[in-house]
């Protein structure tokens, strides 16, 4: 039966007890990790968020009543213990912070009993994730998950302190706002007071933070909850947290400077890692040409090589056709992988097809200098030799080629180099390679929509020298946009914003909006701009992604307290779920049943 803790007050968390407390009486509380009855002496490992502490129950210390109670202890019971700190009688446990001491109990209260959990509460659990997420409140007791969430709290706290010291004001923006469908899908919230009308949950505080700059707040930040109704991946959730900021009277270098210093402080204080400043910068075009990705992982080489000129006169129809259609031929060199079995090469071809390739051409340079290739018979000896030379190929190398439109080639080889690096174990989680990617294209053409779309959002400033191209060659316009990338993951992105009316109008024209449509969607921002708007710029980090990389985890679910699964549902609460008809009636909403085929 559960007891009260009346009259007891916890004096220490488990690992706050140390050798300096030997001889003192302490009161500790927590969960039973393990209980071992050795006959006449009971060893209990007590756990709280700080770690483990060994408790010893002996009848001579605690008396018959408490000893009898101690015999009942099972895993996950919640207990309070009063006892004396002593030097550990047995051998010291080097793996525990409290491995050189123990507490000899004089009093025990069982605050709460526990059923046997559906899986062990232990680090590096092998239990299936679905089961752990169903019982997330138990999963959150695991020391590794608790360390992650404590690390997350520390990152948020240091960020907040740093930005306040840099003159930023923390200001909250609304959760219930207007839907502006330009980008990912909005989560919609029906209004009871305005039947048939909907709020949207914010995908980001973008428009509001720009309004705050119009209102003269100069530097704003917010650790903001954001929502996007999109398909999930390991580093995506339907609700997530941004470290969001906006600054007035600044340009690209000012935003980059403050954020480099923030990253340096975070990595030093949290992980004791020195981030060398300035962080390397690379234009979007260079990143695509060298790595096939706008978020390149710089921890390994295997860069893309453009061999279009080298093979342009060859008779291999795949290369020839791609070049004639305005595409390119590019390759990567998997050093030392020339002896890769055919079965594994076929698996790489299959992987490439998942990214839009029709196939993957390969050439292995044998140790004797001969070639094993899928296309060698279509090329002359000197052409093959020139190709291997261009690829910096040596004996034992495997050369892999994609030939298609540039976008497909980039996508395929960009993904393939990372896939190979994973297979070859080239990715070191203890290495942190930062990169700023700059000068993104302002617009990208959507075949689906039949128009240009903003690559970031419609308020991104073009490079000044490219503004005249908006009317004539919109696809060539570069943006004053920048992403911060770490180990192949985009940590955050931002841009200088358009603040001149004539540039904003040109942007809307390029996106296919009439003046009326632009005002219908963004009128409140455009009207605000009529009353004096400072040049401004900003950036937002995905806090979840940043913490995931700092904690060396593979999924952001491991650094979020209550995450959703791939279909955006919560296994623990069964959300989303049906609601009562009376609630729907109040909102004047009727559920339309899908007609059966």
Protein backbone atom coordinates (compact mmCIF):
# COMPACT_ATOMS: atom_id res chain seq x y z
CA UNK A 1 0.00 0.00 0.00
CA UNK A 2 1.33 3.45 -0.97
CA UNK A 3 2.63 5.59 1.85
CA UNK A 4 2.83 9.34 2.30
CA UNK A 5 6.09 11.30 2.27
CA UNK A 6 4.80 13.61 5.02
CA UNK A 7 7.65 14.64 7.30
CA UNK A 8 10.30 13.65 4.75
CA UNK A 9 12.12 16.08 2.46
CA UNK A 10 14.54 14.94 -0.23
CA UNK A 11 18.02 16.17 0.61
CA UNK A 12 19.86 15.00 -2.52
CA UNK A 13 19.28 13.57 -5.99
CA UNK A 14 20.97 10.19 -6.39
CA UNK A 15 24.25 11.33 -7.92
CA UNK A 16 24.43 14.46 -5.76
CA UNK A 17 25.49 12.10 -2.94
CA UNK A 18 29.29 11.73 -3.00
CA UNK A 19 32.32 10.87 -0.88
CA UNK A 20 32.08 14.31 0.74
CA UNK A 21 28.80 13.15 2.37
CA UNK A 22 30.31 10.07 4.09
CA UNK A 23 29.01 9.92 7.64
CA UNK A 24 25.99 12.13 6.88
CA UNK A 25 22.34 11.09 6.95
CA UNK A 26 20.59 11.74 3.61
CA UNK A 27 17.07 11.39 2.26
CA UNK A 28 16.83 10.18 -1.35
CA UNK A 29 13.81 9.32 -3.50
CA UNK A 30 13.33 7.65 -6.84
CA UNK A 31 12.56 4.44 -8.71
CA UNK A 32 13.90 0.96 -7.97
CA UNK A 33 16.07 -0.03 -10.92
CA UNK A 34 16.98 -3.41 -9.46
CA UNK A 35 16.59 -5.22 -6.12
CA UNK A 36 18.77 -8.18 -5.08
CA UNK A 37 18.04 -10.11 -1.87
CA UNK A 38 21.21 -11.90 -0.78
CA UNK A 39 19.65 -13.29 2.43
CA UNK A 40 20.06 -10.98 5.38
CA UNK A 41 21.16 -8.10 3.11
CA UNK A 42 19.20 -6.44 0.28
CA UNK A 43 20.93 -4.39 -2.43
CA UNK A 44 18.76 -1.84 -4.23
CA UNK A 45 19.84 0.35 -7.15
CA UNK A 46 17.83 3.56 -6.79
CA UNK A 47 17.34 5.63 -9.97
CA UNK A 48 16.32 9.21 -10.59
CA UNK A 49 17.07 11.51 -13.54
CA UNK A 50 20.61 12.14 -12.22
CA UNK A 51 21.63 8.46 -12.22
CA UNK A 52 21.96 5.46 -9.86
CA UNK A 53 22.77 5.12 -6.16
CA UNK A 54 23.23 1.83 -4.28
CA UNK A 55 21.11 1.40 -1.13
CA UNK A 56 21.86 -1.34 1.44
CA UNK A 57 19.11 -2.73 3.71
CA UNK A 58 20.28 -4.74 6.72
CA UNK A 59 18.01 -5.55 9.66
CA UNK A 60 20.68 -4.37 12.10
CA UNK A 61 20.56 -0.88 10.50
CA UNK A 62 16.90 -0.41 9.63
CA UNK A 63 15.02 -2.76 11.98
CA UNK A 64 12.68 -5.67 11.21
CA UNK A 65 9.75 -3.51 9.99
CA UNK A 66 11.69 -1.68 7.27
CA UNK A 67 13.68 -4.79 6.30
CA UNK A 68 10.43 -6.70 5.77
CA UNK A 69 9.17 -3.84 3.63
CA UNK A 70 12.43 -3.84 1.63
CA UNK A 71 11.88 -7.52 0.80
CA UNK A 72 8.77 -6.48 -1.21
CA UNK A 73 10.65 -4.05 -3.47
CA UNK A 74 10.40 -4.70 -7.20
CA UNK A 75 11.54 -2.89 -10.34
CA UNK A 76 9.92 0.58 -10.79
CA UNK A 77 8.54 0.88 -7.24
CA UNK A 78 8.81 4.53 -6.15
CA UNK A 79 10.46 4.81 -2.74
CA UNK A 80 11.88 7.25 -0.20
CA UNK A 81 14.94 6.18 1.78
CA UNK A 82 16.64 7.75 4.79
CA UNK A 83 20.11 6.43 5.48
CA UNK A 84 23.76 6.99 6.27
CA UNK A 85 26.37 7.49 3.52
CA UNK A 86 29.31 5.08 3.83
CA UNK A 87 32.25 4.04 1.71
CA UNK A 88 31.29 1.12 -0.53
CA UNK A 89 32.09 -2.14 1.24
CA UNK A 90 32.55 -4.17 -1.96
CA UNK A 91 34.62 -3.30 -4.99
CA UNK A 92 34.24 0.18 -6.46
CA UNK A 93 31.99 0.39 -9.57
CA UNK A 94 33.96 2.60 -11.99
CA UNK A 95 30.95 2.87 -14.34
CA UNK A 96 28.82 4.72 -11.77
CA UNK A 97 29.21 8.32 -10.60
CA UNK A 98 28.34 6.99 -7.11
CA UNK A 99 30.37 3.79 -7.53
CA UNK A 100 32.58 4.41 -4.48
CA UNK A 101 29.77 4.95 -1.92
CA UNK A 102 26.48 3.44 -0.74
CA UNK A 103 23.66 4.46 1.57
CA UNK A 104 22.87 2.16 4.51
CA UNK A 105 19.10 2.58 4.97
CA UNK A 106 17.55 3.38 8.34
CA UNK A 107 14.04 4.14 7.03
CA UNK A 108 12.00 3.14 3.94
CA UNK A 109 8.69 4.32 2.60
CA UNK A 110 7.06 2.77 -0.46
CA UNK A 111 5.44 5.79 -2.12
CA UNK A 112 4.02 3.84 -5.06
CA UNK A 113 4.02 0.22 -6.17
CA UNK A 114 4.42 -0.72 -9.84
CA UNK A 115 3.28 -3.46 -12.15
CA UNK A 116 5.95 -5.27 -14.16
CA UNK A 117 6.75 -2.92 -17.11
CA UNK A 118 6.20 -4.25 -20.67
CA UNK A 119 9.93 -3.79 -21.36
CA UNK A 120 13.07 -3.23 -19.26
CA UNK A 121 13.92 0.38 -18.35
CA UNK A 122 17.49 0.39 -19.61
CA UNK A 123 19.88 2.30 -21.86
CA UNK A 124 20.15 1.36 -25.57
CA UNK A 125 16.85 -0.52 -25.42
CA UNK A 126 16.38 -3.25 -28.03
CA UNK A 127 12.59 -3.08 -27.60
CA UNK A 128 10.67 -2.23 -30.79
CA UNK A 129 10.07 1.51 -31.12
CA UNK A 130 6.28 1.13 -31.57
CA UNK A 131 5.99 -0.57 -28.16
CA UNK A 132 8.25 2.01 -26.52
CA UNK A 133 6.20 4.88 -27.98
CA UNK A 134 2.93 3.29 -26.82
CA UNK A 135 4.35 3.36 -23.29
CA UNK A 136 6.34 6.54 -23.82
CA UNK A 137 6.00 7.55 -20.14
CA UNK A 138 8.06 4.43 -19.33
CA UNK A 139 10.44 4.90 -22.25
CA UNK A 140 11.14 8.44 -20.96
CA UNK A 141 12.53 6.90 -17.75
CA UNK A 142 15.44 5.40 -19.70
CA UNK A 143 18.69 7.17 -18.77
CA UNK A 144 19.75 7.77 -22.39
CA UNK A 145 16.44 9.45 -23.29
CA UNK A 146 16.58 11.51 -20.09
CA UNK A 147 20.14 12.63 -20.98
CA UNK A 148 18.89 13.71 -24.42
CA UNK A 149 16.05 15.78 -22.98
CA UNK A 150 18.36 17.36 -20.40
CA UNK A 151 20.78 18.20 -23.24
CA UNK A 152 17.85 19.74 -25.16
CA UNK A 153 16.90 21.86 -22.15
CA UNK A 154 20.51 23.03 -21.83
CA UNK A 155 20.71 23.97 -25.54
CA UNK A 156 17.47 25.98 -25.30
CA UNK A 157 18.62 27.72 -22.13
CA UNK A 158 22.08 28.70 -23.45
CA UNK A 159 20.50 29.91 -26.71
CA UNK A 160 18.01 32.06 -24.80
CA UNK A 161 20.75 33.59 -22.60
CA UNK A 162 23.07 34.23 -25.57
CA UNK A 163 20.43 35.96 -27.70
CA UNK A 164 19.22 38.13 -24.82
CA UNK A 165 22.84 39.23 -24.23
CA UNK A 166 23.05 40.05 -27.97
CA UNK A 167 20.12 42.48 -27.64
CA UNK A 168 17.29 40.19 -28.83
CA UNK A 169 13.81 40.41 -27.30
CA UNK A 170 11.84 37.22 -26.71
CA UNK A 171 8.34 37.81 -28.14
CA UNK A 172 5.59 35.22 -28.69
CA UNK A 173 3.59 35.19 -31.92
CA UNK A 174 0.10 33.69 -32.43
CA UNK A 175 -0.69 29.98 -32.74
CA UNK A 176 -4.04 30.62 -34.43
CA UNK A 177 -3.40 32.50 -37.63
CA UNK A 178 -4.46 32.83 -41.28
CA UNK A 179 -3.79 30.07 -43.79
CA UNK A 180 -1.33 31.16 -46.50
CA UNK A 181 -0.97 28.02 -48.64
CA UNK A 182 2.47 28.63 -50.16
CA UNK A 183 4.75 25.76 -49.12
CA UNK A 184 3.83 22.76 -46.98
CA UNK A 185 0.20 21.97 -46.06
CA UNK A 186 -1.31 23.82 -43.13
CA UNK A 187 -2.99 22.21 -40.16
CA UNK A 188 -6.43 23.84 -40.05
CA UNK A 189 -8.49 24.67 -36.95
CA UNK A 190 -12.25 25.30 -37.44
CA UNK A 191 -13.75 28.38 -35.81
CA UNK A 192 -16.93 27.95 -33.75
CA UNK A 193 -17.61 31.70 -33.67
CA UNK A 194 -17.10 32.11 -37.42
CA UNK A 195 -18.77 29.01 -38.93
CA UNK A 196 -17.15 27.80 -42.14
CA UNK A 197 -13.94 29.72 -41.40
CA UNK A 198 -10.63 28.25 -40.30
CA UNK A 199 -7.49 29.26 -38.53
CA UNK A 200 -4.17 27.68 -39.52
CA UNK A 201 -1.48 26.56 -37.09
CA UNK A 202 1.78 28.36 -37.99
CA UNK A 203 4.33 26.63 -40.23
CA UNK A 204 6.70 29.28 -38.90
CA UNK A 205 6.33 32.75 -37.34
CA UNK A 206 7.64 34.26 -40.61
CA UNK A 207 5.08 36.99 -41.30
CA UNK A 208 4.71 38.01 -37.66
CA UNK A 209 8.44 38.33 -37.10
CA UNK A 210 8.68 40.57 -40.17
CA UNK A 211 5.83 42.67 -38.74
CA UNK A 212 7.79 42.96 -35.49
CA UNK A 213 10.66 44.46 -37.49
CA UNK A 214 8.17 46.92 -39.04
CA UNK A 215 7.14 47.76 -35.47
CA UNK A 216 10.67 48.71 -34.47
CA UNK A 217 11.64 45.84 -32.16
CA UNK A 218 15.03 45.58 -33.92
CA UNK A 219 15.99 42.05 -32.77
CA UNK A 220 13.43 39.33 -32.00
CA UNK A 221 13.73 35.66 -31.09
CA UNK A 222 11.38 32.91 -30.04
CA UNK A 223 11.69 29.20 -29.29
CA UNK A 224 8.58 28.55 -31.33
CA UNK A 225 6.28 25.59 -31.87
CA UNK A 226 5.55 25.10 -35.58
CA UNK A 227 3.27 22.74 -37.51
CA UNK A 228 3.44 21.24 -41.00
CA UNK A 229 1.08 18.66 -42.44
CA UNK A 230 3.68 16.82 -44.51
CA UNK A 231 5.08 13.33 -44.88
CA UNK A 232 7.48 12.42 -42.09
CA UNK A 233 11.12 11.29 -42.14
CA UNK A 234 13.66 10.55 -39.43
CA UNK A 235 14.33 14.28 -39.02
CA UNK A 236 10.73 15.53 -39.44
CA UNK A 237 7.66 15.74 -37.18
CA UNK A 238 4.22 17.30 -37.75
CA UNK A 239 4.89 19.60 -34.77
CA UNK A 240 8.41 20.76 -34.14
CA UNK A 241 10.39 23.52 -32.45
CA UNK A 242 12.30 26.34 -34.11
CA UNK A 243 14.88 28.69 -32.70
CA UNK A 244 13.49 31.63 -34.65
CA UNK A 245 15.08 35.06 -35.04
CA UNK A 246 14.84 38.27 -37.05
CA UNK A 247 17.14 41.32 -37.12
CA UNK A 248 16.75 44.86 -38.49
CA UNK A 249 19.31 47.00 -40.36
CA UNK A 250 21.46 43.97 -41.24
CA UNK A 251 22.72 42.06 -44.25
CA UNK A 252 23.88 38.46 -44.81
CA UNK A 253 27.19 38.79 -42.94
CA UNK A 254 25.55 40.21 -39.80
CA UNK A 255 23.13 37.27 -39.50
CA UNK A 256 25.90 34.75 -40.15
CA UNK A 257 28.20 36.40 -37.59
CA UNK A 258 25.75 36.24 -34.67
CA UNK A 259 24.79 32.66 -35.51
CA UNK A 260 28.38 31.44 -35.82
CA UNK A 261 29.06 32.79 -32.33
CA UNK A 262 25.88 31.13 -31.03
CA UNK A 263 26.93 27.74 -32.48
CA UNK A 264 30.45 28.13 -31.08
CA UNK A 265 29.05 28.82 -27.60
CA UNK A 266 26.55 25.93 -27.74
CA UNK A 267 29.07 23.31 -28.86
CA UNK A 268 31.69 24.48 -26.36
CA UNK A 269 29.37 24.64 -23.34
CA UNK A 270 27.33 21.53 -24.12
CA UNK A 271 29.85 19.17 -25.76
CA UNK A 272 33.22 20.87 -25.03
CA UNK A 273 33.87 21.01 -28.78
CA UNK A 274 35.62 24.01 -30.34
CA UNK A 275 33.93 25.16 -33.55
CA UNK A 276 36.50 26.98 -35.69
CA UNK A 277 35.25 30.32 -37.01
CA UNK A 278 34.54 31.55 -39.59
CA UNK A 279 32.55 28.54 -40.80
CA UNK A 280 33.20 27.58 -44.42
CA UNK A 281 30.83 29.04 -47.01
CA UNK A 282 29.86 27.56 -50.35
CA UNK A 283 27.40 28.74 -53.00
CA UNK A 284 24.41 26.55 -53.79
CA UNK A 285 25.77 25.95 -57.32
CA UNK A 286 29.16 24.80 -56.03
CA UNK A 287 27.50 22.50 -53.48
CA UNK A 288 25.35 20.90 -56.20
CA UNK A 289 28.26 20.54 -58.63
CA UNK A 290 30.62 19.02 -56.04
CA UNK A 291 28.22 17.02 -53.85
CA UNK A 292 24.88 16.77 -55.69
CA UNK A 293 23.18 18.22 -52.61
CA UNK A 294 22.36 21.61 -51.08
CA UNK A 295 23.15 20.10 -47.66
CA UNK A 296 26.44 18.31 -48.32
CA UNK A 297 28.16 16.11 -45.77
CA UNK A 298 31.81 17.21 -45.71
CA UNK A 299 33.06 14.41 -43.44
CA UNK A 300 34.17 12.41 -46.49
CA UNK A 301 35.21 13.02 -50.11
CA UNK A 302 33.73 11.09 -53.05
CA UNK A 303 32.88 14.36 -54.80
CA UNK A 304 30.99 14.49 -58.10
CA UNK A 305 33.05 14.93 -61.26
CA UNK A 306 31.48 16.39 -64.43
CA UNK A 307 32.69 14.20 -67.32
CA UNK A 308 30.27 15.58 -69.95
CA UNK A 309 33.05 17.09 -72.06
CA UNK A 310 35.16 13.93 -71.75
CA UNK A 311 32.45 11.58 -73.09
CA UNK A 312 30.54 13.93 -75.43
CA UNK A 313 31.85 12.23 -78.60
CA UNK A 314 31.56 8.62 -77.45
CA UNK A 315 29.06 6.15 -78.91
CA UNK A 316 27.52 5.00 -75.63
CA UNK A 317 23.86 5.86 -76.23
CA UNK A 318 23.04 6.55 -72.55
CA UNK A 319 25.74 9.22 -72.26
CA UNK A 320 25.06 10.56 -75.73
CA UNK A 321 21.30 10.83 -75.21
CA UNK A 322 21.61 12.66 -71.90
CA UNK A 323 23.98 15.25 -73.39
CA UNK A 324 21.78 15.77 -76.48
CA UNK A 325 18.79 16.41 -74.19
CA UNK A 326 20.63 19.21 -72.40
CA UNK A 327 21.67 17.06 -69.44
CA UNK A 328 25.08 15.99 -68.18
CA UNK A 329 27.17 12.95 -67.29
CA UNK A 330 28.77 12.96 -63.85
CA UNK A 331 30.46 10.36 -61.69
CA UNK A 332 31.79 9.53 -58.26
CA UNK A 333 34.89 7.50 -57.40
CA UNK A 334 34.43 4.88 -54.66
CA UNK A 335 38.13 4.52 -53.84
CA UNK A 336 39.31 0.94 -53.30
CA UNK A 337 35.90 -0.61 -54.11
CA UNK A 338 36.78 -2.01 -57.55
CA UNK A 339 36.39 -5.60 -56.33
CA UNK A 340 32.80 -4.99 -55.18
CA UNK A 341 30.71 -8.07 -56.11
CA UNK A 342 28.21 -7.72 -58.97
CA UNK A 343 25.32 -8.34 -56.57
CA UNK A 344 26.27 -5.27 -54.53
CA UNK A 345 26.71 -3.15 -57.66
CA UNK A 346 23.22 -4.24 -58.80
CA UNK A 347 21.90 -3.10 -55.40
CA UNK A 348 23.49 0.32 -56.02
CA UNK A 349 21.79 0.48 -59.43
CA UNK A 350 18.48 -0.30 -57.76
CA UNK A 351 19.15 2.42 -55.15
CA UNK A 352 19.88 4.94 -57.93
CA UNK A 353 16.57 4.11 -59.63
CA UNK A 354 14.73 5.08 -56.43
CA UNK A 355 16.10 8.60 -56.94
CA UNK A 356 14.93 8.94 -60.54
CA UNK A 357 17.81 7.35 -62.49
CA UNK A 358 17.05 5.05 -65.40
CA UNK A 359 20.19 3.14 -64.45
CA UNK A 360 23.76 3.52 -63.24
CA UNK A 361 26.85 2.98 -65.37
CA UNK A 362 29.92 1.56 -63.64
CA UNK A 363 33.58 0.98 -64.40
CA UNK A 364 35.90 -0.93 -62.06
CA UNK A 365 39.66 -0.45 -62.50
CA UNK A 366 41.23 -3.87 -61.94
CA UNK A 367 44.55 -4.29 -60.16
CA UNK A 368 46.22 -5.16 -63.50
CA UNK A 369 44.95 -1.92 -65.08
CA UNK A 370 42.18 -3.59 -67.13
CA UNK A 371 38.55 -2.54 -66.79
CA UNK A 372 35.35 -4.30 -65.78
CA UNK A 373 32.49 -2.16 -66.99
CA UNK A 374 28.84 -2.03 -68.04
CA UNK A 375 29.65 0.21 -71.03
CA UNK A 376 33.33 -0.30 -71.99
CA UNK A 377 32.40 -2.08 -75.24
CA UNK A 378 30.72 1.12 -76.50
CA UNK A 379 33.83 3.25 -76.04
CA UNK A 380 37.29 3.36 -77.57
CA UNK A 381 40.32 2.50 -75.46
CA UNK A 382 41.56 6.11 -75.45
CA UNK A 383 38.08 7.37 -74.44
CA UNK A 384 37.99 4.98 -71.49
CA UNK A 385 41.50 5.98 -70.49
CA UNK A 386 40.57 9.70 -70.63
CA UNK A 387 37.45 9.01 -68.56
CA UNK A 388 39.38 7.12 -65.85
CA UNK A 389 41.99 9.89 -65.79
CA UNK A 390 39.29 12.59 -65.42
CA UNK A 391 37.83 10.61 -62.48
CA UNK A 392 41.28 10.32 -60.85
CA UNK A 393 40.81 6.54 -61.11
CA UNK A 394 43.50 4.16 -59.88
CA UNK A 395 43.82 0.40 -59.61
CA UNK A 396 41.13 -0.97 -57.30
CA UNK A 397 38.68 1.96 -57.73
CA UNK A 398 34.99 1.73 -58.65
CA UNK A 399 33.66 4.56 -60.82
CA UNK A 400 29.89 5.14 -60.89
CA UNK A 401 28.15 7.38 -63.43
CA UNK A 402 24.70 8.96 -63.84
CA UNK A 403 23.57 10.50 -67.12
CA UNK A 404 20.34 12.50 -67.29
CA UNK A 405 18.94 15.98 -66.72
CA UNK A 406 21.07 17.85 -64.18
CA UNK A 407 18.48 17.65 -61.38
CA UNK A 408 18.24 13.85 -61.69
CA UNK A 409 22.03 13.46 -61.84
CA UNK A 410 22.48 15.62 -58.74
CA UNK A 411 19.73 13.77 -56.82
CA UNK A 412 21.07 10.33 -57.73
CA UNK A 413 24.77 10.89 -57.11
CA UNK A 414 24.15 13.12 -54.06
CA UNK A 415 22.17 10.33 -52.41
CA UNK A 416 24.51 7.59 -53.67
CA UNK A 417 27.66 9.13 -52.18
CA UNK A 418 26.00 9.29 -48.74
CA UNK A 419 24.63 5.74 -49.14
CA UNK A 420 28.13 4.45 -50.00
CA UNK A 421 29.68 6.40 -47.11
CA UNK A 422 27.21 4.69 -44.72
CA UNK A 423 28.04 1.26 -46.18
CA UNK A 424 31.78 1.92 -45.98
CA UNK A 425 31.47 3.34 -42.45
CA UNK A 426 33.01 6.68 -43.38
CA UNK A 427 30.64 8.74 -41.19
CA UNK A 428 32.08 9.60 -37.79
CA UNK A 429 29.42 10.88 -35.36
CA UNK A 430 32.14 12.49 -33.25
CA UNK A 431 33.14 14.76 -36.14
CA UNK A 432 31.17 17.97 -36.73
CA UNK A 433 31.54 19.60 -40.15
CA UNK A 434 29.62 22.87 -40.48
CA UNK A 435 28.92 24.68 -43.74
CA UNK A 436 27.00 27.75 -44.86
CA UNK A 437 25.31 27.22 -48.24
CA UNK A 438 24.56 30.58 -49.86
CA UNK A 439 23.07 32.10 -53.04
CA UNK A 440 20.22 29.63 -53.50
CA UNK A 441 18.05 29.98 -56.59
CA UNK A 442 15.25 32.42 -55.76
CA UNK A 443 12.65 30.42 -57.71
CA UNK A 444 12.16 26.86 -58.90
CA UNK A 445 9.74 25.78 -61.60
CA UNK A 446 6.94 23.41 -60.57
CA UNK A 447 5.74 21.16 -63.41
CA UNK A 448 2.77 20.22 -61.22
CA UNK A 449 1.64 23.84 -60.68
CA UNK A 450 2.81 25.07 -64.08
CA UNK A 451 4.51 28.11 -62.52
CA UNK A 452 7.55 29.25 -60.59
CA UNK A 453 7.51 28.68 -56.82
CA UNK A 454 9.59 30.45 -54.17
CA UNK A 455 12.44 28.16 -53.11
CA UNK A 456 12.30 29.60 -49.57
CA UNK A 457 9.27 31.94 -49.38
CA UNK A 458 7.90 34.91 -51.37
CA UNK A 459 9.65 37.52 -49.19
CA UNK A 460 13.24 36.46 -49.94
CA UNK A 461 15.43 39.22 -51.37
CA UNK A 462 17.12 38.51 -54.74
CA UNK A 463 20.80 39.33 -55.19
CA UNK A 464 20.74 43.00 -56.26
CA UNK A 465 22.59 42.32 -59.53
CA UNK A 466 20.03 39.62 -60.46
CA UNK A 467 16.87 41.74 -59.99
CA UNK A 468 16.63 42.62 -63.74
CA UNK A 469 16.55 38.85 -64.55
CA UNK A 470 13.24 38.35 -62.68
CA UNK A 471 11.34 39.53 -65.78
CA UNK A 472 13.43 37.72 -68.38
CA UNK A 473 15.12 34.64 -66.85
CA UNK A 474 13.54 34.01 -63.42
CA UNK A 475 15.21 30.60 -63.09
CA UNK A 476 18.67 32.26 -63.03
CA UNK A 477 17.93 34.68 -60.18
CA UNK A 478 19.94 33.99 -57.02
CA UNK A 479 18.54 34.70 -53.58
CA UNK A 480 20.14 36.34 -50.58
CA UNK A 481 19.39 33.10 -48.75
CA UNK A 482 21.63 30.97 -46.56
CA UNK A 483 21.35 27.56 -44.89
CA UNK A 484 23.50 26.30 -42.05
CA UNK A 485 24.38 22.63 -42.64
CA UNK A 486 25.96 20.13 -40.26
CA UNK A 487 27.10 16.65 -41.35
CA UNK A 488 24.68 16.53 -44.28
CA UNK A 489 21.68 17.81 -42.30
CA UNK A 490 20.15 21.24 -42.77
CA UNK A 491 20.10 22.74 -39.26
CA UNK A 492 18.41 25.94 -40.30
CA UNK A 493 17.92 28.48 -43.00
CA UNK A 494 17.11 32.10 -43.55
CA UNK A 495 17.38 35.04 -45.86
CA UNK A 496 17.50 38.77 -46.25
CA UNK A 497 13.88 39.91 -46.76
CA UNK A 498 12.44 42.08 -49.51
CA UNK A 499 11.63 45.50 -48.06
CA UNK A 500 11.19 47.54 -51.27
CA UNK A 501 7.69 47.59 -52.72
CA UNK A 502 8.72 47.42 -56.40
CA UNK A 503 10.89 44.31 -55.76
CA UNK A 504 8.06 42.59 -53.86
CA UNK A 505 5.65 43.29 -56.73
CA UNK A 506 8.11 41.79 -59.22
CA UNK A 507 8.41 38.70 -56.99
CA UNK A 508 4.63 38.22 -56.86
CA UNK A 509 4.42 38.62 -60.65
CA UNK A 510 7.11 35.94 -61.09
CA UNK A 511 5.06 33.63 -58.82
CA UNK A 512 1.99 34.22 -60.98
CA UNK A 513 0.04 36.22 -58.38
CA UNK A 514 -2.11 39.16 -59.39
CA UNK A 515 -1.97 42.21 -57.12
CA UNK A 516 -5.41 41.23 -55.76
CA UNK A 517 -4.28 37.66 -54.99
CA UNK A 518 -1.14 38.94 -53.26
CA UNK A 519 -3.19 41.30 -51.09
CA UNK A 520 -5.77 38.61 -50.39
CA UNK A 521 -3.04 36.33 -48.97
CA UNK A 522 -0.52 38.74 -47.50
CA UNK A 523 -2.34 42.07 -47.34
CA UNK A 524 -1.66 42.66 -43.64
CA UNK A 525 2.10 42.45 -44.26
CA UNK A 526 2.05 44.49 -47.47
CA UNK A 527 -0.04 47.21 -45.81
CA UNK A 528 2.41 47.34 -42.91
CA UNK A 529 5.24 47.88 -45.39
CA UNK A 530 3.56 51.13 -46.53
CA UNK A 531 4.39 52.74 -43.20
CA UNK A 532 8.17 52.49 -43.18
CA UNK A 533 9.97 49.16 -43.10
CA UNK A 534 13.65 48.67 -42.18
CA UNK A 535 15.95 46.35 -44.14
CA UNK A 536 15.72 43.07 -42.20
CA UNK A 537 16.84 39.46 -42.30
CA UNK A 538 16.47 36.35 -40.20
CA UNK A 539 17.10 32.69 -39.66
CA UNK A 540 15.41 29.72 -37.99
CA UNK A 541 16.98 26.51 -36.69
CA UNK A 542 15.24 23.21 -36.21
CA UNK A 543 15.96 22.73 -32.50
CA UNK A 544 15.05 19.04 -32.73
CA UNK A 545 17.58 18.40 -35.53
CA UNK A 546 20.31 20.35 -33.78
CA UNK A 547 19.85 18.38 -30.54
CA UNK A 548 19.62 15.08 -32.49
CA UNK A 549 23.10 15.68 -33.97
CA UNK A 550 24.56 16.91 -30.68
CA UNK A 551 23.20 13.79 -28.94
CA UNK A 552 24.53 11.57 -31.78
CA UNK A 553 21.07 10.11 -32.41
CA UNK A 554 19.67 8.97 -35.77
CA UNK A 555 16.11 10.20 -35.25
CA UNK A 556 14.59 13.37 -33.80
CA UNK A 557 12.06 11.13 -32.01
CA UNK A 558 14.85 10.35 -29.53
CA UNK A 559 15.17 14.00 -28.48
CA UNK A 560 11.45 14.92 -28.33
CA UNK A 561 9.46 14.06 -25.21
CA UNK A 562 6.26 12.89 -26.93
CA UNK A 563 6.88 12.39 -30.67
CA UNK A 564 4.52 11.20 -33.38
CA UNK A 565 5.16 8.21 -35.68
CA UNK A 566 5.35 8.17 -39.48
CA UNK A 567 1.63 8.61 -40.09
CA UNK A 568 1.59 11.61 -37.70
CA UNK A 569 -0.28 9.69 -35.00
CA UNK A 570 0.54 9.37 -31.29
CA UNK A 571 0.61 5.71 -30.23
CA UNK A 572 0.35 6.65 -26.55
CA UNK A 573 -2.77 8.87 -26.68
CA UNK A 574 -4.36 7.48 -29.88
CA UNK A 575 -4.39 10.96 -31.45
CA UNK A 576 -5.81 11.89 -33.90
CA UNK A 577 -9.20 10.45 -33.00
CA UNK A 578 -12.90 10.92 -33.60
CA UNK A 579 -14.81 13.60 -31.67
CA UNK A 580 -18.38 13.71 -30.40
CA UNK A 581 -21.13 14.73 -32.85
CA UNK A 582 -22.08 17.59 -30.52
CA UNK A 583 -18.61 19.12 -31.02
CA UNK A 584 -18.95 18.83 -34.80
CA UNK A 585 -22.44 20.36 -34.68
CA UNK A 586 -21.09 23.35 -32.73
CA UNK A 587 -18.52 23.86 -35.48
CA UNK A 588 -21.10 23.23 -38.22
CA UNK A 589 -18.88 20.47 -39.62
CA UNK A 590 -20.14 17.28 -41.22
CA UNK A 591 -17.87 14.29 -41.78
CA UNK A 592 -18.07 13.07 -45.34
CA UNK A 593 -17.74 9.28 -45.52
CA UNK A 594 -15.50 7.90 -48.26
CA UNK A 595 -17.69 6.06 -50.76
CA UNK A 596 -16.80 2.38 -51.06
CA UNK A 597 -15.39 1.23 -54.36
